Amino acid sequence: MLYQLLGLASIAGVCTILLTIPTQWCIVSFWTVIQTQLMKISDKRMSMINEILQGVGIIKFFAWEPQFEKQVAAIRSGKLGVLRKRYLLLTVYIVFIAVVPVFITLTTFVVYTKVMDKQLTASIAFTALALFKTLREPMDQLPNFFFCLQAKVSVDRVSKFLFEEETSKYERASQHGRRIMVL
């Protein structure tokens, strides 16, 4: 419909959309890296907290609380740095998603008026804006894709855990030399 309305100028808008895809890909790739870093730091922090809770008596007895507080604070500080990067990237992406439709519309109208040397009337402009709005709605849903990426990182972690080698921690030798799994 845009092509029927604007002719070749609509192709400039589609080309602009295609040019934004690599930027979106880079942002999504960086988001995955940040999410993986965040999960590793969270694991490290939970491991440290678990260690502290298991040895709280010894820690209190030897008065090691300040040392462990520093370690937990350092891990927390690292997590806050990664969270800062994450939300900064999310902000950049939201601004990008808000600006791209305007840039696409602007590019199309510039090509229509300056390159094709046609007059942009109100009926053409408003119809084109309505059609661009129709294109914009799916683009507005792209930030929801980040939640899918978070789920993918989590599924990858669970998958990695489930495919790890079995440990001998729960095995005991039987009388016949075979191992028996104890649950």
N, C-alpha and C. Protein backbone atom coordinates (compact mmCIF):
# COMPACT_ATOMS: atom_id res chain seq x y z
N MET A 1 0.83 -1.20 0.00
CA MET A 1 0.00 0.00 0.00
C MET A 1 0.87 1.26 0.00
N LEU A 2 1.97 1.19 0.74
CA LEU A 2 2.88 2.33 0.73
C LEU A 2 3.46 2.56 -0.67
N TYR A 3 3.75 1.47 -1.36
CA TYR A 3 4.29 1.61 -2.70
C TYR A 3 3.26 2.23 -3.64
N GLN A 4 2.01 1.85 -3.50
CA GLN A 4 0.96 2.44 -4.33
C GLN A 4 0.79 3.92 -4.03
N LEU A 5 0.99 4.28 -2.80
CA LEU A 5 0.80 5.67 -2.38
C LEU A 5 2.01 6.54 -2.71
N LEU A 6 3.21 6.04 -2.38
CA LEU A 6 4.42 6.87 -2.49
C LEU A 6 5.36 6.45 -3.61
N GLY A 7 5.11 5.35 -4.23
CA GLY A 7 5.97 4.88 -5.31
C GLY A 7 7.32 4.43 -4.79
N LEU A 8 8.38 4.80 -5.49
CA LEU A 8 9.73 4.37 -5.14
C LEU A 8 10.20 4.91 -3.79
N ALA A 9 9.58 5.96 -3.30
CA ALA A 9 9.96 6.52 -2.00
C ALA A 9 9.71 5.51 -0.88
N SER A 10 8.71 4.64 -1.07
CA SER A 10 8.45 3.63 -0.05
C SER A 10 9.60 2.63 0.04
N ILE A 11 10.29 2.42 -1.07
CA ILE A 11 11.45 1.51 -1.06
C ILE A 11 12.57 2.12 -0.22
N ALA A 12 12.70 3.43 -0.23
CA ALA A 12 13.69 4.09 0.64
C ALA A 12 13.37 3.82 2.10
N GLY A 13 12.09 3.84 2.45
CA GLY A 13 11.69 3.53 3.83
C GLY A 13 12.00 2.09 4.20
N VAL A 14 11.74 1.17 3.27
CA VAL A 14 12.04 -0.25 3.53
C VAL A 14 13.55 -0.45 3.65
N CYS A 15 14.32 0.23 2.82
CA CYS A 15 15.79 0.14 2.92
C CYS A 15 16.27 0.69 4.25
N THR A 16 15.65 1.75 4.73
CA THR A 16 16.01 2.30 6.04
C THR A 16 15.71 1.29 7.14
N ILE A 17 14.59 0.60 7.03
CA ILE A 17 14.26 -0.45 7.99
C ILE A 17 15.33 -1.54 7.96
N LEU A 18 15.73 -1.94 6.75
CA LEU A 18 16.75 -2.99 6.62
C LEU A 18 18.11 -2.54 7.17
N LEU A 19 18.40 -1.24 7.07
CA LEU A 19 19.66 -0.73 7.60
C LEU A 19 19.69 -0.70 9.12
N THR A 20 18.53 -0.68 9.75
CA THR A 20 18.48 -0.68 11.22
C THR A 20 18.64 -2.08 11.81
N ILE A 21 18.47 -3.11 11.00
CA ILE A 21 18.54 -4.48 11.52
C ILE A 21 19.92 -4.80 12.10
N PRO A 22 21.04 -4.44 11.46
CA PRO A 22 22.34 -4.74 12.10
C PRO A 22 22.52 -4.06 13.46
N THR A 23 22.01 -2.85 13.60
CA THR A 23 22.11 -2.17 14.89
C THR A 23 21.29 -2.92 15.94
N GLN A 24 20.10 -3.33 15.57
CA GLN A 24 19.29 -4.10 16.50
C GLN A 24 19.98 -5.41 16.86
N TRP A 25 20.59 -6.05 15.89
CA TRP A 25 21.30 -7.31 16.14
C TRP A 25 22.45 -7.11 17.12
N CYS A 26 23.20 -6.02 16.95
CA CYS A 26 24.31 -5.73 17.87
C CYS A 26 23.80 -5.50 19.28
N ILE A 27 22.71 -4.76 19.40
CA ILE A 27 22.16 -4.48 20.72
C ILE A 27 21.69 -5.78 21.38
N VAL A 28 21.01 -6.62 20.63
CA VAL A 28 20.52 -7.89 21.18
C VAL A 28 21.69 -8.80 21.55
N SER A 29 22.73 -8.83 20.74
CA SER A 29 23.90 -9.66 21.06
C SER A 29 24.57 -9.17 22.34
N PHE A 30 24.72 -7.85 22.47
CA PHE A 30 25.32 -7.29 23.67
C PHE A 30 24.45 -7.57 24.90
N TRP A 31 23.14 -7.53 24.71
CA TRP A 31 22.21 -7.83 25.80
C TRP A 31 22.42 -9.26 26.30
N THR A 32 22.62 -10.20 25.38
CA THR A 32 22.84 -11.60 25.76
C THR A 32 24.13 -11.74 26.56
N VAL A 33 25.18 -11.03 26.15
CA VAL A 33 26.45 -11.07 26.87
C VAL A 33 26.27 -10.51 28.28
N ILE A 34 25.57 -9.39 28.38
CA ILE A 34 25.34 -8.78 29.70
C ILE A 34 24.51 -9.70 30.59
N GLN A 35 23.50 -10.33 30.01
CA GLN A 35 22.65 -11.23 30.79
C GLN A 35 23.47 -12.43 31.30
N THR A 36 24.36 -12.94 30.48
CA THR A 36 25.22 -14.06 30.90
C THR A 36 26.15 -13.61 32.03
N GLN A 37 26.73 -12.42 31.91
CA GLN A 37 27.59 -11.89 32.98
C GLN A 37 26.79 -11.75 34.27
N LEU A 38 25.58 -11.26 34.16
CA LEU A 38 24.75 -11.06 35.34
C LEU A 38 24.45 -12.39 36.03
N MET A 39 24.19 -13.42 35.26
CA MET A 39 23.92 -14.73 35.84
C MET A 39 25.17 -15.29 36.54
N LYS A 40 26.35 -15.11 35.94
CA LYS A 40 27.58 -15.59 36.56
C LYS A 40 27.86 -14.87 37.88
N ILE A 41 27.64 -13.56 37.89
CA ILE A 41 27.86 -12.81 39.13
C ILE A 41 26.85 -13.21 40.19
N SER A 42 25.61 -13.43 39.78
CA SER A 42 24.59 -13.87 40.74
C SER A 42 24.95 -15.23 41.32
N ASP A 43 25.45 -16.13 40.49
CA ASP A 43 25.88 -17.44 40.98
C ASP A 43 27.01 -17.30 41.99
N LYS A 44 27.97 -16.44 41.67
CA LYS A 44 29.11 -16.23 42.56
C LYS A 44 28.64 -15.67 43.91
N ARG A 45 27.73 -14.72 43.85
CA ARG A 45 27.22 -14.11 45.08
C ARG A 45 26.43 -15.13 45.91
N MET A 46 25.60 -15.92 45.26
CA MET A 46 24.82 -16.92 45.99
C MET A 46 25.75 -17.97 46.61
N SER A 47 26.80 -18.34 45.89
CA SER A 47 27.76 -19.29 46.43
C SER A 47 28.44 -18.72 47.67
N MET A 48 28.82 -17.44 47.60
CA MET A 48 29.46 -16.80 48.74
C MET A 48 28.50 -16.72 49.94
N ILE A 49 27.27 -16.34 49.69
CA ILE A 49 26.27 -16.26 50.78
C ILE A 49 26.04 -17.64 51.38
N ASN A 50 25.96 -18.66 50.55
CA ASN A 50 25.77 -20.02 51.04
C ASN A 50 26.95 -20.44 51.90
N GLU A 51 28.16 -20.12 51.46
CA GLU A 51 29.36 -20.43 52.23
C GLU A 51 29.34 -19.72 53.59
N ILE A 52 28.91 -18.48 53.58
CA ILE A 52 28.85 -17.71 54.83
C ILE A 52 27.82 -18.32 55.78
N LEU A 53 26.65 -18.67 55.24
CA LEU A 53 25.61 -19.25 56.09
C LEU A 53 26.02 -20.59 56.67
N GLN A 54 26.74 -21.39 55.91
CA GLN A 54 27.19 -22.68 56.41
C GLN A 54 28.28 -22.54 57.47
N GLY A 55 29.09 -21.50 57.37
CA GLY A 55 30.19 -21.34 58.31
C GLY A 55 30.02 -20.17 59.24
N VAL A 56 28.76 -19.78 59.52
CA VAL A 56 28.53 -18.59 60.33
C VAL A 56 29.13 -18.71 61.73
N GLY A 57 29.13 -19.90 62.29
CA GLY A 57 29.71 -20.09 63.63
C GLY A 57 31.21 -19.83 63.65
N ILE A 58 31.90 -20.35 62.65
CA ILE A 58 33.35 -20.17 62.57
C ILE A 58 33.68 -18.71 62.27
N ILE A 59 32.90 -18.11 61.39
CA ILE A 59 33.13 -16.70 61.04
C ILE A 59 32.97 -15.82 62.28
N LYS A 60 31.94 -16.09 63.06
CA LYS A 60 31.72 -15.31 64.29
C LYS A 60 32.83 -15.59 65.31
N PHE A 61 33.23 -16.85 65.42
CA PHE A 61 34.23 -17.22 66.41
C PHE A 61 35.56 -16.52 66.15
N PHE A 62 35.98 -16.46 64.90
CA PHE A 62 37.25 -15.85 64.55
C PHE A 62 37.12 -14.37 64.18
N ALA A 63 35.92 -13.82 64.28
CA ALA A 63 35.64 -12.41 63.99
C ALA A 63 36.06 -12.03 62.57
N TRP A 64 35.64 -12.86 61.60
CA TRP A 64 35.97 -12.62 60.19
C TRP A 64 34.87 -11.87 59.45
N GLU A 65 33.90 -11.33 60.17
CA GLU A 65 32.78 -10.66 59.52
C GLU A 65 33.22 -9.54 58.57
N PRO A 66 34.17 -8.66 58.95
CA PRO A 66 34.55 -7.58 58.03
C PRO A 66 35.14 -8.09 56.70
N GLN A 67 35.93 -9.16 56.78
CA GLN A 67 36.51 -9.69 55.54
C GLN A 67 35.42 -10.24 54.62
N PHE A 68 34.47 -10.96 55.19
CA PHE A 68 33.40 -11.51 54.37
C PHE A 68 32.46 -10.41 53.87
N GLU A 69 32.26 -9.39 54.69
CA GLU A 69 31.45 -8.25 54.23
C GLU A 69 32.09 -7.59 53.02
N LYS A 70 33.41 -7.44 53.05
CA LYS A 70 34.12 -6.84 51.91
C LYS A 70 33.98 -7.70 50.66
N GLN A 71 34.08 -9.00 50.83
CA GLN A 71 33.95 -9.90 49.67
C GLN A 71 32.55 -9.83 49.07
N VAL A 72 31.54 -9.86 49.92
CA VAL A 72 30.15 -9.78 49.44
C VAL A 72 29.90 -8.41 48.80
N ALA A 73 30.43 -7.35 49.41
CA ALA A 73 30.25 -6.00 48.85
C ALA A 73 30.93 -5.88 47.49
N ALA A 74 32.09 -6.52 47.33
CA ALA A 74 32.78 -6.47 46.03
C ALA A 74 31.97 -7.18 44.96
N ILE A 75 31.42 -8.33 45.31
CA ILE A 75 30.58 -9.06 44.35
C ILE A 75 29.34 -8.25 44.02
N ARG A 76 28.73 -7.66 45.04
CA ARG A 76 27.52 -6.85 44.83
C ARG A 76 27.83 -5.63 43.95
N SER A 77 28.98 -5.03 44.18
CA SER A 77 29.40 -3.88 43.37
C SER A 77 29.56 -4.28 41.91
N GLY A 78 30.14 -5.45 41.67
CA GLY A 78 30.27 -5.95 40.31
C GLY A 78 28.91 -6.19 39.67
N LYS A 79 27.98 -6.72 40.45
CA LYS A 79 26.63 -6.97 39.94
C LYS A 79 25.93 -5.65 39.61
N LEU A 80 26.11 -4.65 40.46
CA LEU A 80 25.50 -3.35 40.19
C LEU A 80 26.08 -2.72 38.93
N GLY A 81 27.36 -2.92 38.68
CA GLY A 81 27.97 -2.41 37.45
C GLY A 81 27.37 -3.06 36.22
N VAL A 82 27.17 -4.38 36.28
CA VAL A 82 26.56 -5.08 35.15
C VAL A 82 25.09 -4.66 34.99
N LEU A 83 24.39 -4.49 36.10
CA LEU A 83 23.00 -4.02 36.01
C LEU A 83 22.93 -2.62 35.41
N ARG A 84 23.89 -1.78 35.75
CA ARG A 84 23.94 -0.43 35.18
C ARG A 84 24.09 -0.51 33.66
N LYS A 85 25.01 -1.37 33.19
CA LYS A 85 25.19 -1.57 31.75
C LYS A 85 23.90 -2.08 31.10
N ARG A 86 23.26 -3.01 31.80
CA ARG A 86 22.04 -3.62 31.26
C ARG A 86 20.95 -2.57 31.06
N TYR A 87 20.72 -1.76 32.07
CA TYR A 87 19.64 -0.77 31.95
C TYR A 87 20.01 0.39 31.04
N LEU A 88 21.28 0.69 30.95
CA LEU A 88 21.72 1.68 29.98
C LEU A 88 21.47 1.18 28.56
N LEU A 89 21.81 -0.07 28.30
CA LEU A 89 21.55 -0.66 27.00
C LEU A 89 20.06 -0.72 26.70
N LEU A 90 19.26 -1.05 27.70
CA LEU A 90 17.80 -1.08 27.50
C LEU A 90 17.28 0.31 27.16
N THR A 91 17.82 1.33 27.83
CA THR A 91 17.41 2.71 27.54
C THR A 91 17.79 3.09 26.11
N VAL A 92 19.01 2.75 25.71
CA VAL A 92 19.45 3.03 24.34
C VAL A 92 18.54 2.33 23.34
N TYR A 93 18.19 1.10 23.63
CA TYR A 93 17.34 0.35 22.71
C TYR A 93 15.94 0.94 22.62
N ILE A 94 15.38 1.37 23.73
CA ILE A 94 14.04 1.97 23.73
C ILE A 94 14.06 3.28 22.94
N VAL A 95 15.10 4.08 23.14
CA VAL A 95 15.23 5.32 22.36
C VAL A 95 15.39 4.99 20.88
N PHE A 96 16.19 3.99 20.58
CA PHE A 96 16.39 3.56 19.19
C PHE A 96 15.06 3.15 18.56
N ILE A 97 14.29 2.36 19.28
CA ILE A 97 12.99 1.90 18.76
C ILE A 97 12.04 3.07 18.59
N ALA A 98 12.14 4.09 19.44
CA ALA A 98 11.26 5.26 19.31
C ALA A 98 11.68 6.16 18.15
N VAL A 99 12.98 6.24 17.87
CA VAL A 99 13.49 7.15 16.85
C VAL A 99 13.42 6.54 15.44
N VAL A 100 13.59 5.24 15.34
CA VAL A 100 13.65 4.59 14.03
C VAL A 100 12.40 4.86 13.18
N PRO A 101 11.18 4.72 13.70
CA PRO A 101 10.02 4.99 12.85
C PRO A 101 9.96 6.43 12.34
N VAL A 102 10.37 7.37 13.18
CA VAL A 102 10.42 8.77 12.75
C VAL A 102 11.44 8.93 11.63
N PHE A 103 12.59 8.31 11.80
CA PHE A 103 13.64 8.40 10.79
C PHE A 103 13.20 7.75 9.48
N ILE A 104 12.49 6.63 9.57
CA ILE A 104 11.98 5.96 8.37
C ILE A 104 10.98 6.85 7.64
N THR A 105 10.08 7.43 8.39
CA THR A 105 9.09 8.33 7.79
C THR A 105 9.77 9.54 7.17
N LEU A 106 10.70 10.13 7.89
CA LEU A 106 11.42 11.29 7.38
C LEU A 106 12.18 10.96 6.10
N THR A 107 12.86 9.84 6.09
CA THR A 107 13.61 9.42 4.90
C THR A 107 12.67 9.24 3.70
N THR A 108 11.56 8.59 3.95
CA THR A 108 10.61 8.36 2.87
C THR A 108 10.06 9.67 2.32
N PHE A 109 9.69 10.57 3.21
CA PHE A 109 9.13 11.86 2.75
C PHE A 109 10.18 12.72 2.06
N VAL A 110 11.43 12.67 2.51
CA VAL A 110 12.49 13.43 1.85
C VAL A 110 12.71 12.89 0.43
N VAL A 111 12.75 11.58 0.30
CA VAL A 111 12.92 10.99 -1.04
C VAL A 111 11.71 11.36 -1.92
N TYR A 112 10.52 11.31 -1.34
CA TYR A 112 9.31 11.61 -2.11
C TYR A 112 9.30 13.06 -2.59
N THR A 113 9.70 14.00 -1.71
CA THR A 113 9.62 15.42 -2.07
C THR A 113 10.86 15.93 -2.78
N LYS A 114 12.05 15.53 -2.36
CA LYS A 114 13.29 16.09 -2.91
C LYS A 114 13.82 15.28 -4.10
N VAL A 115 13.84 13.98 -3.98
CA VAL A 115 14.40 13.15 -5.05
C VAL A 115 13.39 12.96 -6.19
N MET A 116 12.17 12.59 -5.79
CA MET A 116 11.15 12.35 -6.82
C MET A 116 10.47 13.66 -7.26
N ASP A 117 10.73 14.72 -6.53
CA ASP A 117 10.21 16.05 -6.84
C ASP A 117 8.67 16.07 -6.96
N LYS A 118 8.03 15.45 -5.98
CA LYS A 118 6.57 15.45 -5.93
C LYS A 118 6.12 16.26 -4.74
N GLN A 119 4.89 16.71 -4.80
CA GLN A 119 4.35 17.51 -3.71
C GLN A 119 3.68 16.59 -2.70
N LEU A 120 4.02 16.82 -1.44
CA LEU A 120 3.46 16.03 -0.35
C LEU A 120 2.20 16.72 0.14
N THR A 121 1.06 16.17 -0.21
CA THR A 121 -0.22 16.75 0.22
C THR A 121 -0.63 16.15 1.55
N ALA A 122 -1.61 16.77 2.16
CA ALA A 122 -2.09 16.30 3.45
C ALA A 122 -2.67 14.90 3.35
N SER A 123 -3.39 14.63 2.29
CA SER A 123 -4.00 13.30 2.15
C SER A 123 -2.92 12.22 1.99
N ILE A 124 -1.88 12.50 1.23
CA ILE A 124 -0.79 11.53 1.07
C ILE A 124 -0.01 11.39 2.38
N ALA A 125 0.29 12.50 3.01
CA ALA A 125 1.08 12.47 4.25
C ALA A 125 0.35 11.71 5.35
N PHE A 126 -0.93 12.02 5.57
CA PHE A 126 -1.66 11.37 6.66
C PHE A 126 -1.91 9.89 6.37
N THR A 127 -2.16 9.56 5.12
CA THR A 127 -2.33 8.15 4.77
C THR A 127 -1.02 7.40 4.97
N ALA A 128 0.08 8.00 4.53
CA ALA A 128 1.39 7.37 4.72
C ALA A 128 1.72 7.23 6.20
N LEU A 129 1.40 8.24 7.00
CA LEU A 129 1.66 8.16 8.44
C LEU A 129 0.84 7.03 9.08
N ALA A 130 -0.39 6.86 8.63
CA ALA A 130 -1.22 5.77 9.15
C ALA A 130 -0.61 4.41 8.78
N LEU A 131 -0.10 4.30 7.56
CA LEU A 131 0.53 3.05 7.14
C LEU A 131 1.85 2.82 7.89
N PHE A 132 2.59 3.88 8.12
CA PHE A 132 3.82 3.74 8.91
C PHE A 132 3.50 3.35 10.35
N LYS A 133 2.38 3.86 10.87
CA LYS A 133 1.97 3.49 12.23
C LYS A 133 1.67 1.99 12.29
N THR A 134 1.06 1.49 11.22
CA THR A 134 0.79 0.06 11.16
C THR A 134 2.10 -0.73 11.16
N LEU A 135 3.10 -0.21 10.51
CA LEU A 135 4.42 -0.87 10.52
C LEU A 135 5.11 -0.72 11.87
N ARG A 136 4.82 0.36 12.56
CA ARG A 136 5.52 0.65 13.81
C ARG A 136 5.08 -0.27 14.94
N GLU A 137 3.82 -0.68 14.94
CA GLU A 137 3.31 -1.50 16.04
C GLU A 137 4.11 -2.79 16.24
N PRO A 138 4.45 -3.54 15.17
CA PRO A 138 5.31 -4.71 15.40
C PRO A 138 6.70 -4.32 15.91
N MET A 139 7.21 -3.19 15.46
CA MET A 139 8.53 -2.75 15.93
C MET A 139 8.50 -2.38 17.42
N ASP A 140 7.35 -1.89 17.88
CA ASP A 140 7.24 -1.55 19.30
C ASP A 140 7.26 -2.80 20.18
N GLN A 141 6.96 -3.94 19.61
CA GLN A 141 6.96 -5.18 20.38
C GLN A 141 8.36 -5.78 20.51
N LEU A 142 9.33 -5.25 19.78
CA LEU A 142 10.67 -5.81 19.82
C LEU A 142 11.32 -5.78 21.21
N PRO A 143 11.10 -4.75 22.05
CA PRO A 143 11.70 -4.81 23.38
C PRO A 143 11.26 -6.03 24.20
N ASN A 144 10.07 -6.54 23.89
CA ASN A 144 9.63 -7.75 24.59
C ASN A 144 10.51 -8.93 24.25
N PHE A 145 11.25 -8.83 23.17
CA PHE A 145 12.17 -9.88 22.77
C PHE A 145 13.27 -10.07 23.80
N PHE A 146 13.59 -9.01 24.55
CA PHE A 146 14.62 -9.11 25.59
C PHE A 146 14.24 -10.14 26.64
N PHE A 147 12.97 -10.23 26.95
CA PHE A 147 12.54 -11.21 27.94
C PHE A 147 12.74 -12.63 27.40
N CYS A 148 12.57 -12.81 26.11
CA CYS A 148 12.85 -14.11 25.50
C CYS A 148 14.33 -14.43 25.59
N LEU A 149 15.17 -13.41 25.44
CA LEU A 149 16.62 -13.63 25.56
C LEU A 149 16.99 -14.02 26.99
N GLN A 150 16.35 -13.41 27.97
CA GLN A 150 16.62 -13.79 29.35
C GLN A 150 16.25 -15.25 29.58
N ALA A 151 15.13 -15.66 29.01
CA ALA A 151 14.71 -17.05 29.15
C ALA A 151 15.70 -17.98 28.45
N LYS A 152 16.21 -17.56 27.29
CA LYS A 152 17.18 -18.39 26.56
C LYS A 152 18.46 -18.57 27.37
N VAL A 153 18.93 -17.50 27.99
CA VAL A 153 20.14 -17.61 28.81
C VAL A 153 19.90 -18.57 29.96
N SER A 154 18.73 -18.48 30.58
CA SER A 154 18.41 -19.38 31.70
C SER A 154 18.29 -20.83 31.24
N VAL A 155 17.65 -21.04 30.10
CA VAL A 155 17.52 -22.40 29.57
C VAL A 155 18.89 -22.96 29.21
N ASP A 156 19.76 -22.15 28.65
CA ASP A 156 21.12 -22.59 28.33
C ASP A 156 21.87 -23.01 29.60
N ARG A 157 21.69 -22.26 30.66
CA ARG A 157 22.37 -22.59 31.92
C ARG A 157 21.85 -23.90 32.50
N VAL A 158 20.52 -24.08 32.49
CA VAL A 158 19.95 -25.32 33.00
C VAL A 158 20.39 -26.49 32.14
N SER A 159 20.40 -26.29 30.84
CA SER A 159 20.84 -27.34 29.92
C SER A 159 22.29 -27.73 30.18
N LYS A 160 23.15 -26.73 30.38
CA LYS A 160 24.56 -27.01 30.67
C LYS A 160 24.69 -27.82 31.96
N PHE A 161 23.90 -27.45 32.97
CA PHE A 161 23.93 -28.17 34.24
C PHE A 161 23.48 -29.61 34.07
N LEU A 162 22.40 -29.81 33.32
CA LEU A 162 21.85 -31.16 33.17
C LEU A 162 22.76 -32.08 32.34
N PHE A 163 23.57 -31.52 31.47
CA PHE A 163 24.45 -32.33 30.64
C PHE A 163 25.86 -32.48 31.22
N GLU A 164 26.07 -32.03 32.44
CA GLU A 164 27.37 -32.21 33.08
C GLU A 164 27.58 -33.68 33.42
N GLU A 165 28.83 -34.07 33.55
CA GLU A 165 29.17 -35.45 33.92
C GLU A 165 28.67 -35.74 35.33
N GLU A 166 28.28 -36.98 35.53
CA GLU A 166 27.86 -37.40 36.86
C GLU A 166 29.06 -37.43 37.79
N THR A 167 28.85 -37.06 39.02
CA THR A 167 29.93 -37.12 40.00
C THR A 167 29.84 -38.42 40.77
N SER A 168 30.92 -38.80 41.37
CA SER A 168 30.94 -40.04 42.14
C SER A 168 30.47 -39.80 43.58
N LYS A 169 29.98 -38.63 43.85
CA LYS A 169 29.56 -38.27 45.21
C LYS A 169 28.45 -39.19 45.71
N TYR A 170 27.55 -39.62 44.83
CA TYR A 170 26.40 -40.41 45.26
C TYR A 170 26.52 -41.88 44.85
N GLU A 171 27.71 -42.30 44.53
CA GLU A 171 27.92 -43.69 44.14
C GLU A 171 28.66 -44.42 45.25
N ARG A 172 28.37 -45.69 45.40
CA ARG A 172 29.14 -46.52 46.32
C ARG A 172 29.41 -47.86 45.65
N ALA A 173 30.46 -48.44 46.01
CA ALA A 173 30.84 -49.72 45.39
C ALA A 173 29.97 -50.83 45.95
N SER A 174 29.54 -51.72 45.08
CA SER A 174 28.75 -52.87 45.53
C SER A 174 29.70 -54.02 45.86
N GLN A 175 29.14 -55.14 46.29
CA GLN A 175 29.95 -56.29 46.64
C GLN A 175 30.56 -56.94 45.41
N HIS A 176 29.97 -56.74 44.25
CA HIS A 176 30.44 -57.39 43.04
C HIS A 176 31.32 -56.46 42.19
N GLY A 177 31.71 -55.35 42.73
CA GLY A 177 32.59 -54.44 42.01
C GLY A 177 31.86 -53.45 41.09
N ARG A 178 30.55 -53.58 41.00
CA ARG A 178 29.80 -52.63 40.19
C ARG A 178 29.36 -51.47 41.06
N ARG A 179 29.18 -50.34 40.43
CA ARG A 179 28.74 -49.15 41.17
C ARG A 179 27.22 -49.12 41.23
N ILE A 180 26.72 -48.70 42.35
CA ILE A 180 25.28 -48.55 42.53
C ILE A 180 25.02 -47.09 42.85
N MET A 181 24.04 -46.53 42.19
CA MET A 181 23.68 -45.13 42.41
C MET A 181 22.78 -45.06 43.65
N VAL A 182 23.15 -44.23 44.60
CA VAL A 182 22.36 -44.03 45.81
C VAL A 182 21.67 -42.68 45.71
N LEU A 183 20.38 -42.69 45.83
CA LEU A 183 19.62 -41.43 45.78
C LEU A 183 19.17 -41.01 47.13
